[in-house]
Amino acid sequence: MNVILRHLELVLSGVGIVVIFAVPIFFFHRPNLRWEAAAVTAAAVGLIHGLIFYLVRRRQRLVRQQTIREMQLVVDDIVRNQLTVIGLSAALSRESSRTDGRLEDWAERSIVAAHEIGHRLRAIDSERLQQLIRRSGAGQPHH
């Protein structure tokens, strides 16, 4: 089944060609009707073929969007946890070392950086992630 799905375009094209040739031969015995039957069959096969492709590609797009949303949530959670650790460490360091100006300055810059990273992370949405994935080629199916 996996092989069929991997090569769906080829399988459907092959089956479509067989159907287009088989229907007129088996169901229309008069030669002048065979071409008309082949044309009507080809149109029907093309319509069914297009509908199947649309449904398969739509499903792939939905799965890809859901995966991107899940990736975004995981990355967001990891980064937020790390930012919390950095922010708390910097705040504790700032409070415990009021006498050392360099350490206090470092702690203040760490807190500002953690807030800035958090702000930028919130600005990243799934559409932007999709654009990055499309640009990198990671969204392309592997054959």
Protein backbone atom coordinates (compact mmCIF):
# COMPACT_ATOMS: atom_id res chain seq x y z
CA MET A 1 0.00 0.00 0.00
CA ASN A 2 2.85 2.38 0.84
CA VAL A 3 4.40 1.79 -2.62
CA ILE A 4 1.10 2.67 -4.27
CA LEU A 5 0.81 5.90 -2.29
CA ARG A 6 4.42 6.79 -2.97
CA HIS A 7 3.86 6.44 -6.72
CA LEU A 8 0.19 7.45 -6.79
CA GLU A 9 0.51 9.66 -9.88
CA LEU A 10 2.02 6.86 -11.95
CA VAL A 11 -0.45 4.24 -10.71
CA LEU A 12 -3.48 6.42 -11.43
CA SER A 13 -2.16 7.40 -14.84
CA GLY A 14 -1.55 3.76 -15.77
CA VAL A 15 -4.97 2.65 -14.56
CA GLY A 16 -6.57 5.58 -16.36
CA ILE A 17 -4.95 4.64 -19.67
CA VAL A 18 -6.02 1.01 -19.27
CA VAL A 19 -9.63 2.11 -18.55
CA ILE A 20 -9.66 4.52 -21.51
CA PHE A 21 -8.64 1.70 -23.89
CA ALA A 22 -10.63 -1.10 -22.22
CA VAL A 23 -14.06 0.54 -22.02
CA PRO A 24 -14.49 1.09 -25.79
CA ILE A 25 -13.07 -2.32 -26.68
CA PHE A 26 -15.24 -4.32 -24.25
CA PHE A 27 -18.47 -2.31 -24.32
CA PHE A 28 -18.68 -0.78 -27.80
CA HIS A 29 -18.41 -3.21 -30.67
CA ARG A 30 -19.09 -0.78 -33.52
CA PRO A 31 -15.82 0.90 -34.55
CA ASN A 32 -17.35 4.34 -35.14
CA LEU A 33 -18.63 4.45 -31.52
CA ARG A 34 -15.31 3.40 -30.00
CA TRP A 35 -13.67 6.82 -30.50
CA GLU A 36 -16.61 8.63 -28.98
CA ALA A 37 -16.64 6.21 -26.06
CA ALA A 38 -12.88 6.65 -25.63
CA ALA A 39 -13.28 10.45 -25.57
CA VAL A 40 -16.08 10.33 -22.98
CA THR A 41 -14.15 7.78 -20.91
CA ALA A 42 -10.98 9.90 -21.08
CA ALA A 43 -12.90 12.95 -19.86
CA ALA A 44 -14.40 10.97 -16.98
CA VAL A 45 -11.03 9.46 -16.06
CA GLY A 46 -9.45 12.93 -16.16
CA LEU A 47 -12.14 14.31 -13.86
CA ILE A 48 -11.78 11.44 -11.36
CA HIS A 49 -8.00 11.65 -11.63
CA GLY A 50 -8.05 15.39 -10.83
CA LEU A 51 -10.43 14.93 -7.91
CA ILE A 52 -8.23 12.21 -6.38
CA PHE A 53 -5.11 14.38 -6.76
CA TYR A 54 -6.87 17.33 -5.20
CA LEU A 55 -8.00 15.28 -2.18
CA VAL A 56 -4.58 13.69 -1.66
CA ARG A 57 -2.72 17.01 -1.93
CA ARG A 58 -5.24 18.72 0.34
CA ARG A 59 -4.71 16.04 2.97
CA GLN A 60 -0.94 16.41 2.67
CA ARG A 61 -1.23 20.18 3.07
CA LEU A 62 -3.40 19.82 6.18
CA VAL A 63 -1.01 17.30 7.75
CA ARG A 64 1.95 19.57 6.96
CA GLN A 65 0.19 22.58 8.55
CA GLN A 66 -0.67 20.57 11.66
CA THR A 67 2.92 19.36 11.93
CA ILE A 68 4.18 22.93 11.66
CA ARG A 69 1.81 24.04 14.43
CA GLU A 70 3.00 21.18 16.64
CA MET A 71 6.64 22.05 15.91
CA GLN A 72 5.93 25.66 16.80
CA LEU A 73 4.39 24.66 20.13
CA VAL A 74 7.33 22.42 21.01
CA VAL A 75 9.91 25.07 20.09
CA ASP A 76 7.90 27.72 21.91
CA ASP A 77 7.75 25.58 25.06
CA ILE A 78 11.45 24.77 25.00
CA VAL A 79 12.51 28.36 24.42
CA ARG A 80 10.12 29.74 27.02
CA ASN A 81 11.42 27.26 29.61
CA GLN A 82 14.99 28.25 28.87
CA LEU A 83 14.09 31.95 28.93
CA THR A 84 12.47 31.48 32.33
CA VAL A 85 15.63 29.83 33.64
CA ILE A 86 17.80 32.64 32.24
CA GLY A 87 15.49 35.32 33.56
CA LEU A 88 15.30 33.82 37.05
CA SER A 89 19.07 33.24 37.17
CA ALA A 90 19.72 36.80 36.07
CA ALA A 91 17.22 38.20 38.58
CA LEU A 92 18.71 36.15 41.42
CA SER A 93 22.20 37.15 40.39
CA ARG A 94 21.21 40.82 40.28
CA GLU A 95 19.61 40.67 43.72
CA SER A 96 22.47 38.76 45.34
CA SER A 97 25.27 40.97 44.02
CA ARG A 98 24.20 44.59 44.39
CA THR A 99 27.80 45.59 45.05
CA ASP A 100 29.27 44.35 41.76
CA GLY A 101 28.18 46.70 38.98
CA ARG A 102 29.40 44.48 36.11
CA LEU A 103 27.43 41.48 37.32
CA GLU A 104 24.33 43.59 37.86
CA ASP A 105 24.70 45.04 34.35
CA TRP A 106 25.06 41.50 32.92
CA ALA A 107 21.97 40.36 34.79
CA GLU A 108 19.96 43.34 33.51
CA ARG A 109 21.05 42.71 29.91
CA SER A 110 20.17 39.01 30.29
CA ILE A 111 16.67 39.86 31.47
CA VAL A 112 16.18 42.33 28.59
CA ALA A 113 17.49 39.75 26.09
CA ALA A 114 15.21 37.04 27.49
CA HIS A 115 12.20 39.33 27.16
CA GLU A 116 13.22 40.30 23.62
CA ILE A 117 13.58 36.65 22.59
CA GLY A 118 10.18 35.89 24.08
CA HIS A 119 8.62 38.81 22.22
CA ARG A 120 10.14 37.71 18.91
CA LEU A 121 9.09 34.12 19.49
CA ARG A 122 5.49 35.22 19.89
CA ALA A 123 5.78 37.06 16.58
CA ILE A 124 6.64 33.85 14.73
CA ASP A 125 3.45 32.31 13.35
CA SER A 126 2.80 29.15 11.41
CA GLU A 127 2.57 31.04 8.11
CA ARG A 128 6.09 32.37 8.54
CA LEU A 129 7.34 28.88 9.47
CA GLN A 130 5.67 27.51 6.34
CA GLN A 131 7.43 30.12 4.20
CA LEU A 132 10.77 29.19 5.74
CA ILE A 133 10.14 25.50 5.17
CA ARG A 134 9.08 26.12 1.55
CA ARG A 135 12.17 28.25 0.94
CA SER A 136 14.47 25.63 2.43
CA GLY A 137 12.86 22.82 0.43
CA ALA A 138 12.13 20.84 3.59
CA GLY A 139 8.43 20.66 2.71
CA GLN A 140 9.08 18.75 -0.49
CA PRO A 141 8.13 15.06 -0.53
CA HIS A 142 11.06 12.65 -0.57
CA HIS A 143 11.10 9.97 -3.26
